[in-house]
Amino acid sequence: MACGSHGRSITVDHEVLLPHVEPRVNAISRTREGGFVVTGIGLTAWVLATDSHGTLLWQFIDPIDSRIDTGSQSVPQSEFHGAVSLANGNTVLCGGKYKGGQTDNLLAILDSNGRLVEKRMEVPNDDRRLIHSNFYQCFPWLDGILLLGNANDGTHGYIWLVELDGNGVKKGQALIDNAPAVKAGTVVGPSFVFTAWDSNDNLRVIRANGKGETIAKRVIAGEFIVQLRSMVESTLTSVIIYRAGKATLYTLDERLQDARPPREIANFDVAAGRGYVLADTSIALFGRWPDAAVAWISGQDKTYTMRPFDPKYVSSTVSDAVPISADQFVTVRGSVSQDPEGSGSGPVLGDDQRKPMTAAPRLNEWRLKLPGPQPSAAGRKPSSKGVWRIFYVWKLKHRHCMSGWAALIELRPSSTLSTGKSQPMQCSAPYLR
């Protein structure tokens, strides 16, 4: 369908139902075989895998622990924030488990059929005084996996890094102080960038290596921040800072200084979603305005296109997105809706103000057409004691999201974008987004 007056359009090609899942969705990742792993939440965390066409392969539900009382069914006992596919066909899941109003970190490994191989909690830095912890991100790192989270002793908090090998075995770990000092001298080795809360009016962007050494940092005024992932290998880091009702795009160099002048962009809310920088420096955003929507913003000017999801599937936001090519993405979103096709394959939900409803994820294909030649080429604050309250954040993020949806998004220019390797090391922990 045509979108706005800017000469761009986004069209929906097809939709695939993923049945028999609990109603809330959290994240999506790609498997080595080309399929997808989706994480979500019921009373506890759940995970499902599909093939590349969206056909359900298996589902795993973290068992309910009768000893845990979260105080509300809207607060899950456990939650997986990310998944990484291993070379042996297994899947590593990272997240947290409810513990007396706080969280403990949680790691799980499933085999290629969704059966539990191992479930464990790590001791942050082997220091049992760090009584609360959580993993917010897990992503491929060198020949293994890097976990990014936080840990605290009840009075002081740290950013926590854990490195796993290609089989999910811990290789090492490190703590980064919440106000890290930049390492003096030359720091060698691979590095990655993440964002963190600094104060009521400031946010931090940090570059660190796997040893936990801070290579560079930058404090930027703002209320919240979203780090964009790059679709091609790049030394640049892009973040969107939201402040006073405005969104500003920052493009930073390796020292986290301005590589390009900051510029105001369309205020599309991607705080609970995901964003990518495309090969032509334009950006694709998956979030909401005011409900679940997809946006494309030019890398050169204020030209943009925005396409909301079909309103018959009520969704507050797109929760996550993963690329499958230089111009295609698969997204996950939450939804509250009556089943328009009457399949009855999802769980039935209801309350005093709504009729009983069915809900299940769907896979949608979208296409964004961009004219002309293309050149080649969320966060929440901790408590005063430095304790990150993940389940409180979850309730804010998902207060309207009652079921899970998946959608295939395709951004297709009239001339072909150059294919580039996805860069998975961009992450936004310890923010959820």
Protein backbone atom coordinates (compact mmCIF):
# COMPACT_ATOMS: atom_id res chain seq x y z
CA MET A 1 0.00 0.00 0.00
CA ALA A 2 1.14 3.59 -0.56
CA CYS A 3 2.48 5.46 2.47
CA GLY A 4 2.40 9.25 2.73
CA SER A 5 3.58 11.62 0.01
CA HIS A 6 7.27 10.77 -0.04
CA GLY A 7 7.16 8.22 -2.90
CA ARG A 8 7.78 5.21 -0.64
CA SER A 9 5.42 2.37 0.10
CA ILE A 10 5.26 -0.64 2.39
CA THR A 11 3.20 -3.65 1.38
CA VAL A 12 2.22 -6.85 3.19
CA ASP A 13 2.82 -10.05 1.23
CA HIS A 14 1.72 -12.87 3.52
CA GLU A 15 0.98 -13.88 7.07
CA VAL A 16 1.63 -17.17 8.90
CA LEU A 17 0.04 -18.23 12.20
CA LEU A 18 2.25 -19.77 14.89
CA PRO A 19 -0.20 -21.63 17.17
CA HIS A 20 -0.16 -23.03 20.69
CA VAL A 21 1.95 -20.46 22.49
CA GLU A 22 1.47 -18.31 25.57
CA PRO A 23 0.41 -14.76 24.85
CA ARG A 24 3.44 -12.48 25.37
CA VAL A 25 6.51 -12.21 23.15
CA ASN A 26 9.95 -10.86 24.04
CA ALA A 27 12.66 -11.42 21.39
CA ILE A 28 13.64 -13.19 18.18
CA SER A 29 16.94 -14.53 16.80
CA ARG A 30 18.12 -16.46 13.76
CA THR A 31 19.26 -20.09 13.78
CA ARG A 32 22.22 -21.37 11.79
CA GLU A 33 19.82 -23.36 9.62
CA GLY A 34 17.90 -20.23 8.60
CA GLY A 35 14.98 -20.63 10.98
CA PHE A 36 14.03 -18.53 13.99
CA VAL A 37 13.94 -18.79 17.77
CA VAL A 38 11.32 -16.69 19.57
CA THR A 39 11.27 -16.10 23.33
CA GLY A 40 8.19 -15.11 25.25
CA ILE A 41 6.49 -15.05 28.62
CA GLY A 42 3.55 -16.73 30.28
CA LEU A 43 3.72 -17.53 33.99
CA THR A 44 7.31 -18.48 33.14
CA ALA A 45 9.60 -18.06 30.14
CA TRP A 46 8.88 -19.98 26.95
CA VAL A 47 10.83 -20.53 23.74
CA LEU A 48 9.80 -21.80 20.32
CA ALA A 49 11.66 -22.52 17.10
CA THR A 50 10.41 -22.36 13.52
CA ASP A 51 11.92 -23.14 10.15
CA SER A 52 12.58 -20.38 7.61
CA HIS A 53 8.91 -20.43 6.52
CA GLY A 54 7.52 -19.99 10.03
CA THR A 55 6.51 -23.63 10.56
CA LEU A 56 6.63 -24.50 14.26
CA LEU A 57 9.37 -27.05 15.07
CA TRP A 58 9.31 -27.20 18.87
CA GLN A 59 8.41 -25.30 22.03
CA PHE A 60 9.96 -25.27 25.51
CA ILE A 61 8.32 -23.86 28.67
CA ASP A 62 10.37 -23.23 31.79
CA PRO A 63 8.63 -25.27 34.53
CA ILE A 64 6.69 -23.39 37.21
CA ASP A 65 8.42 -23.33 40.58
CA SER A 66 5.75 -23.69 43.29
CA ARG A 67 8.10 -22.13 45.84
CA ILE A 68 8.17 -18.77 44.02
CA ASP A 69 5.41 -16.19 44.52
CA THR A 70 5.89 -13.15 42.29
CA GLY A 71 2.86 -11.42 43.79
CA SER A 72 1.01 -11.20 40.48
CA GLN A 73 0.37 -13.41 37.46
CA SER A 74 1.45 -10.45 35.31
CA VAL A 75 4.98 -10.85 36.70
CA PRO A 76 6.61 -14.02 35.31
CA GLN A 77 8.80 -16.31 37.37
CA SER A 78 11.44 -16.30 34.62
CA GLU A 79 12.23 -14.53 31.37
CA PHE A 80 14.65 -15.11 28.49
CA HIS A 81 15.95 -11.91 26.91
CA GLY A 82 17.91 -13.49 24.08
CA ALA A 83 18.90 -16.69 22.28
CA VAL A 84 21.99 -17.75 20.33
CA SER A 85 22.23 -20.78 18.06
CA LEU A 86 25.30 -23.02 18.54
CA ALA A 87 27.21 -24.94 15.87
CA ASN A 88 26.07 -28.29 17.33
CA GLY A 89 22.41 -27.37 16.86
CA ASN A 90 21.80 -26.42 20.49
CA THR A 91 20.44 -23.05 21.59
CA VAL A 92 21.73 -20.91 24.48
CA LEU A 93 19.12 -18.78 26.28
CA CYS A 94 19.98 -15.92 28.64
CA GLY A 95 17.77 -14.06 31.09
CA GLY A 96 16.71 -13.93 34.70
CA LYS A 97 14.57 -15.59 37.34
CA TYR A 98 12.43 -13.80 39.93
CA LYS A 99 13.91 -13.71 43.43
CA GLY A 100 12.23 -11.83 46.25
CA GLY A 101 11.41 -8.73 44.22
CA GLN A 102 14.75 -8.88 42.38
CA THR A 103 16.28 -11.35 39.91
CA ASP A 104 18.91 -14.04 39.63
CA ASN A 105 20.61 -14.66 36.29
CA LEU A 106 19.42 -17.65 34.30
CA LEU A 107 21.12 -19.64 31.53
CA ALA A 108 19.56 -22.57 29.67
CA ILE A 109 20.72 -24.78 26.81
CA LEU A 110 18.21 -26.63 24.62
CA ASP A 111 19.01 -29.29 22.03
CA SER A 112 17.88 -29.20 18.40
CA ASN A 113 14.48 -30.66 19.40
CA GLY A 114 13.82 -28.16 22.19
CA ARG A 115 14.72 -30.53 25.03
CA LEU A 116 16.50 -29.11 28.06
CA VAL A 117 20.20 -29.98 28.15
CA GLU A 118 21.23 -27.74 31.03
CA LYS A 119 19.85 -24.93 33.18
CA ARG A 120 22.15 -23.03 35.52
CA MET A 121 22.87 -19.80 37.35
CA GLU A 122 26.32 -18.24 37.34
CA VAL A 123 27.95 -16.62 40.39
CA PRO A 124 28.88 -13.08 39.26
CA ASN A 125 32.67 -12.86 39.22
CA ASP A 126 32.68 -15.83 41.63
CA ASP A 127 31.68 -13.37 44.38
CA ARG A 128 28.66 -14.58 46.37
CA ARG A 129 28.23 -11.11 47.89
CA LEU A 130 26.71 -10.13 44.54
CA ILE A 131 23.30 -11.46 45.46
CA HIS A 132 21.24 -10.18 42.50
CA SER A 133 22.05 -10.45 38.80
CA ASN A 134 20.50 -10.72 35.36
CA PHE A 135 21.48 -11.20 31.72
CA TYR A 136 19.96 -8.69 29.30
CA GLN A 137 21.78 -9.58 26.08
CA CYS A 138 23.56 -12.57 24.56
CA PHE A 139 25.18 -12.44 21.13
CA PRO A 140 27.87 -14.15 19.02
CA TRP A 141 31.35 -13.04 20.05
CA LEU A 142 34.54 -14.25 18.32
CA ASP A 143 34.19 -18.06 18.30
CA GLY A 144 31.69 -18.14 21.16
CA ILE A 145 29.04 -16.07 22.91
CA LEU A 146 29.15 -12.95 25.07
CA LEU A 147 26.56 -12.38 27.79
CA LEU A 148 25.91 -8.84 28.95
CA GLY A 149 24.03 -8.14 32.17
CA ASN A 150 24.36 -6.66 35.62
CA ALA A 151 25.09 -7.72 39.19
CA ASN A 152 24.84 -6.00 42.56
CA ASP A 153 25.37 -6.59 46.26
CA GLY A 154 22.32 -4.63 47.37
CA THR A 155 24.21 -1.34 47.59
CA HIS A 156 26.41 -1.10 44.50
CA GLY A 157 25.82 -2.28 40.95
CA TYR A 158 28.11 -3.44 38.16
CA ILE A 159 27.86 -4.22 34.47
CA TRP A 160 28.65 -7.92 34.12
CA LEU A 161 30.28 -9.66 31.14
CA VAL A 162 30.47 -13.44 30.74
CA GLU A 163 32.22 -15.15 27.81
CA LEU A 164 31.10 -18.64 26.72
CA ASP A 165 32.78 -20.95 24.25
CA GLY A 166 31.03 -22.41 21.19
CA ASN A 167 29.39 -25.10 23.35
CA GLY A 168 28.06 -22.75 26.02
CA VAL A 169 30.81 -23.43 28.59
CA LYS A 170 32.03 -20.40 30.55
CA LYS A 171 35.49 -19.18 29.52
CA GLY A 172 35.75 -16.02 31.60
CA GLN A 173 33.90 -13.09 33.15
CA ALA A 174 34.47 -9.50 34.21
CA LEU A 175 32.74 -6.68 36.05
CA ILE A 176 32.60 -3.08 34.84
CA ASP A 177 31.80 -0.40 37.39
CA ASN A 178 28.62 1.56 36.68
CA ALA A 179 30.86 4.62 36.28
CA PRO A 180 33.88 3.08 34.55
CA ALA A 181 37.20 4.81 34.07
CA VAL A 182 38.75 4.67 30.60
CA LYS A 183 41.75 2.33 30.52
CA ALA A 184 45.01 4.23 30.22
CA GLY A 185 47.30 3.46 27.29
CA THR A 186 46.52 1.31 24.28
CA VAL A 187 43.89 -1.40 24.77
CA VAL A 188 44.04 -4.12 22.13
CA GLY A 189 41.61 -6.82 21.10
CA PRO A 190 38.04 -6.93 19.77
CA SER A 191 35.57 -4.53 21.37
CA PHE A 192 31.86 -3.83 21.43
CA VAL A 193 29.63 -0.90 22.31
CA PHE A 194 26.72 -0.78 24.75
CA THR A 195 24.65 1.87 26.49
CA ALA A 196 23.87 2.50 30.15
CA TRP A 197 21.99 4.89 32.40
CA ASP A 198 24.11 7.65 33.91
CA SER A 199 21.78 10.01 35.80
CA ASN A 200 18.30 11.45 35.60
CA ASP A 201 19.23 13.55 32.58
CA ASN A 202 22.21 11.72 31.07
CA LEU A 203 22.99 8.46 29.32
CA ARG A 204 26.29 6.70 28.71
CA VAL A 205 27.72 5.03 25.61
CA ILE A 206 30.64 2.69 26.44
CA ARG A 207 33.13 0.76 24.31
CA ALA A 208 34.72 -2.18 26.12
CA ASN A 209 36.58 -5.39 25.34
CA GLY A 210 35.93 -8.92 26.55
CA LYS A 211 38.19 -8.37 29.58
CA GLY A 212 35.89 -5.64 30.83
CA GLU A 213 38.38 -2.86 30.06
CA THR A 214 36.71 0.41 29.06
CA ILE A 215 38.25 1.73 25.86
CA ALA A 216 36.05 4.81 25.43
CA LYS A 217 32.93 6.35 26.91
CA ARG A 218 30.62 9.25 26.17
CA VAL A 219 27.91 10.89 28.28
CA ILE A 220 25.02 12.38 26.31
CA ALA A 221 22.06 14.30 27.71
CA GLY A 222 18.78 12.48 27.24
CA GLU A 223 15.88 10.62 28.78
CA PHE A 224 16.42 7.29 27.05
CA ILE A 225 18.54 5.78 24.32
CA VAL A 226 18.31 3.17 21.57
CA GLN A 227 21.41 1.71 19.97
CA LEU A 228 21.06 0.79 16.30
CA ARG A 229 22.65 -2.29 14.79
CA SER A 230 24.59 -2.02 11.55
CA MET A 231 23.73 -4.07 8.47
CA VAL A 232 27.31 -3.84 7.22
CA GLU A 233 30.61 -4.07 9.06
CA SER A 234 31.45 -0.60 10.31
CA THR A 235 33.61 1.19 12.87
CA LEU A 236 30.73 3.61 13.48
CA THR A 237 28.13 3.40 16.23
CA SER A 238 24.66 4.92 15.83
CA VAL A 239 22.30 5.75 18.70
CA ILE A 240 19.00 7.60 18.94
CA ILE A 241 18.61 9.87 21.98
CA TYR A 242 15.10 10.85 23.06
CA ARG A 243 14.72 14.07 25.00
CA ALA A 244 11.90 16.58 25.51
CA GLY A 245 9.73 14.97 22.85
CA LYS A 246 12.48 14.97 20.21
CA ALA A 247 14.61 12.20 18.69
CA THR A 248 18.23 12.89 17.72
CA LEU A 249 20.46 10.53 15.74
CA TYR A 250 24.13 10.40 16.83
CA THR A 251 26.76 8.71 14.65
CA LEU A 252 29.93 8.07 16.66
CA ASP A 253 33.45 7.00 15.75
CA GLU A 254 35.59 4.42 17.56
CA ARG A 255 36.37 6.92 20.33
CA LEU A 256 32.62 7.64 20.58
CA GLN A 257 33.05 11.18 19.28
CA ASP A 258 30.81 12.62 16.58
CA ALA A 259 31.65 11.11 13.19
CA ARG A 260 28.78 13.13 11.72
CA PRO A 261 26.88 16.10 13.16
CA PRO A 262 23.91 14.97 15.31
CA ARG A 263 20.60 15.47 13.50
CA GLU A 264 16.99 15.50 14.58
CA ILE A 265 14.90 12.76 12.99
CA ALA A 266 11.22 11.80 12.98
CA ASN A 267 10.15 11.03 16.56
CA PHE A 268 9.27 7.37 15.96
CA ASP A 269 9.23 5.42 19.24
CA VAL A 270 11.63 2.49 19.02
CA ALA A 271 12.47 2.36 22.76
CA ALA A 272 10.83 -1.07 23.16
CA GLY A 273 11.73 -2.25 19.66
CA ARG A 274 14.78 -2.42 17.41
CA GLY A 275 16.57 -0.32 14.82
CA TYR A 276 19.11 -0.94 12.04
CA VAL A 277 21.41 1.22 9.94
CA LEU A 278 21.19 0.08 6.31
CA ALA A 279 24.01 0.01 3.78
CA ASP A 280 23.03 3.43 2.36
CA THR A 281 23.08 5.00 5.92
CA SER A 282 19.28 5.20 6.06
CA ILE A 283 17.69 3.53 9.08
CA ALA A 284 14.89 1.01 9.55
CA LEU A 285 13.02 1.26 12.86
CA PHE A 286 10.64 -1.25 14.39
CA GLY A 287 8.54 0.14 17.24
CA ARG A 288 5.35 2.19 17.46
CA TRP A 289 3.65 5.41 16.43
CA PRO A 290 1.34 5.39 18.29
CA ASP A 291 0.87 1.60 18.03
CA ALA A 292 3.00 -1.11 16.38
CA ALA A 293 4.60 0.22 13.21
CA VAL A 294 7.66 0.14 10.93
CA ALA A 295 9.53 3.26 9.81
CA TRP A 296 12.23 4.06 7.28
CA ILE A 297 14.22 7.30 7.67
CA SER A 298 16.62 8.71 5.09
CA GLY A 299 20.29 8.92 5.95
CA GLN A 300 20.60 12.29 4.22
CA ASP A 301 17.54 14.36 5.15
CA LYS A 302 14.23 14.25 7.02
CA THR A 303 12.48 12.11 4.40
CA TYR A 304 10.74 9.17 6.04
CA THR A 305 8.03 6.54 5.57
CA MET A 306 5.97 5.03 8.36
CA ARG A 307 3.60 2.05 8.11
CA PRO A 308 1.43 0.91 11.05
CA PHE A 309 0.50 -2.72 11.42
CA ASP A 310 -3.04 -3.77 10.54
CA PRO A 311 -5.28 -2.31 13.29
CA LYS A 312 -7.43 -5.44 13.42
CA TYR A 313 -4.49 -7.03 15.30
CA VAL A 314 -4.13 -4.68 18.28
CA SER A 315 -0.44 -4.21 19.07
CA SER A 316 1.24 -1.56 21.18
CA THR A 317 4.74 -2.00 19.74
CA VAL A 318 7.13 -4.17 17.76
CA SER A 319 9.35 -5.91 20.32
CA ASP A 320 12.32 -7.08 18.25
CA ALA A 321 13.64 -7.58 14.73
CA VAL A 322 16.36 -9.68 13.13
CA PRO A 323 17.75 -9.39 9.58
CA ILE A 324 17.70 -12.27 7.11
CA SER A 325 19.39 -10.37 4.27
CA ALA A 326 20.60 -6.87 3.48
CA ASP A 327 17.02 -5.66 3.13
CA GLN A 328 14.80 -8.21 4.89
CA PHE A 329 13.88 -8.52 8.56
CA VAL A 330 11.78 -10.75 10.76
CA THR A 331 10.09 -8.97 13.65
CA VAL A 332 8.21 -9.96 16.80
CA ARG A 333 5.36 -7.97 18.33
CA GLY A 334 2.79 -8.40 21.07
CA SER A 335 -0.92 -8.18 20.35
CA VAL A 336 -4.36 -8.27 21.90
CA SER A 337 -7.03 -9.24 19.37
CA GLN A 338 -9.87 -11.54 18.59
CA ASP A 339 -8.78 -14.28 16.25
CA PRO A 340 -9.99 -12.97 12.85
CA GLU A 341 -9.72 -16.39 11.25
CA GLY A 342 -11.37 -18.39 14.00
CA SER A 343 -8.56 -20.91 14.16
CA GLY A 344 -8.83 -21.26 17.93
CA SER A 345 -5.24 -22.45 18.02
CA GLY A 346 -3.96 -19.93 20.54
CA PRO A 347 -4.74 -19.50 24.25
CA VAL A 348 -8.06 -17.87 25.12
CA LEU A 349 -7.74 -14.68 27.20
CA GLY A 350 -10.34 -12.47 28.83
CA ASP A 351 -11.10 -10.06 31.65
CA ASP A 352 -14.00 -8.05 32.92
CA GLN A 353 -13.72 -5.47 30.16
CA ARG A 354 -13.03 -7.71 27.15
CA LYS A 355 -14.70 -10.63 25.44
CA PRO A 356 -12.73 -13.91 25.40
CA MET A 357 -9.96 -13.64 22.82
CA THR A 358 -7.57 -16.00 21.09
CA ALA A 359 -4.00 -15.01 20.43
CA ALA A 360 -1.07 -16.51 18.57
CA PRO A 361 2.01 -15.27 16.73
CA ARG A 362 1.92 -14.68 13.01
CA LEU A 363 4.62 -14.30 10.39
CA ASN A 364 4.12 -11.36 8.02
CA GLU A 365 6.09 -10.37 4.94
CA TRP A 366 6.50 -6.65 4.30
CA ARG A 367 8.17 -4.77 1.48
CA LEU A 368 9.41 -1.17 1.64
CA LYS A 369 10.11 0.22 -1.84
CA LEU A 370 12.75 2.92 -2.04
CA PRO A 371 13.14 4.84 -5.31
CA GLY A 372 16.42 5.82 -6.89
CA PRO A 373 19.91 4.30 -6.79
CA GLN A 374 21.29 3.07 -3.48
CA PRO A 375 25.05 3.46 -2.83
CA SER A 376 26.97 0.46 -1.56
CA ALA A 377 28.59 0.51 1.35
CA ALA A 378 15.44 1.12 25.63
CA GLY A 379 16.31 1.91 28.68
CA ARG A 380 15.22 1.99 32.19
CA LYS A 381 16.89 3.34 35.29
CA PRO A 382 18.19 1.34 38.25
CA SER A 383 16.92 1.88 41.77
CA SER A 384 18.82 4.14 44.15
CA LYS A 385 20.79 1.11 45.32
CA GLY A 386 21.91 0.18 41.82
CA VAL A 387 19.46 -2.74 41.62
CA TRP A 388 17.96 -3.27 38.18
CA ARG A 389 14.30 -4.20 38.44
CA ILE A 390 13.77 -6.22 35.30
CA PHE A 391 10.23 -7.34 36.00
CA TYR A 392 9.11 -3.77 36.72
CA VAL A 393 10.57 -2.78 33.37
CA TRP A 394 8.80 -5.71 31.75
CA LYS A 395 5.43 -4.58 33.10
CA LEU A 396 6.00 -1.10 31.70
CA LYS A 397 7.11 -2.40 28.34
CA HIS A 398 4.36 -4.99 27.93
CA ARG A 399 1.42 -3.48 29.81
CA HIS A 400 -0.70 -3.67 26.62
CA CYS A 401 0.93 -6.70 24.97
CA MET A 402 -1.13 -9.78 25.55
CA SER A 403 -0.07 -12.08 22.72
CA GLY A 404 2.79 -12.77 20.36
CA TRP A 405 3.14 -11.98 16.69
CA ALA A 406 6.01 -12.45 14.26
CA ALA A 407 6.37 -10.57 10.99
CA LEU A 408 8.74 -10.80 8.05
CA ILE A 409 9.79 -7.30 7.01
CA GLU A 410 11.39 -6.66 3.65
CA LEU A 411 12.98 -3.31 2.76
CA ARG A 412 13.41 -3.43 -0.99
CA PRO A 413 14.74 -0.48 -3.04
CA SER A 414 14.03 -0.08 -6.73
CA SER A 415 17.72 -0.79 -7.22
CA THR A 416 19.53 -3.46 -5.25
CA LEU A 417 21.25 -2.65 -1.97
CA SER A 418 24.74 -4.05 -1.69
CA THR A 419 24.79 -7.15 0.49
CA GLY A 420 26.73 -6.77 3.72
CA LYS A 421 27.42 -8.99 6.70
CA SER A 422 25.22 -8.36 9.71
CA GLN A 423 27.11 -7.13 12.77
CA PRO A 424 25.59 -8.84 15.84
CA MET A 425 27.90 -7.28 18.41
CA GLN A 426 25.90 -4.05 18.69
CA CYS A 427 23.80 -4.24 21.85
CA SER A 428 21.99 -1.99 24.27
CA ALA A 429 22.38 -3.72 27.65
CA PRO A 430 22.03 -3.02 30.46
CA TYR A 431 18.99 -1.35 28.94
CA LEU A 432 16.38 -3.77 27.68
CA ARG A 433 16.49 -1.71 24.49
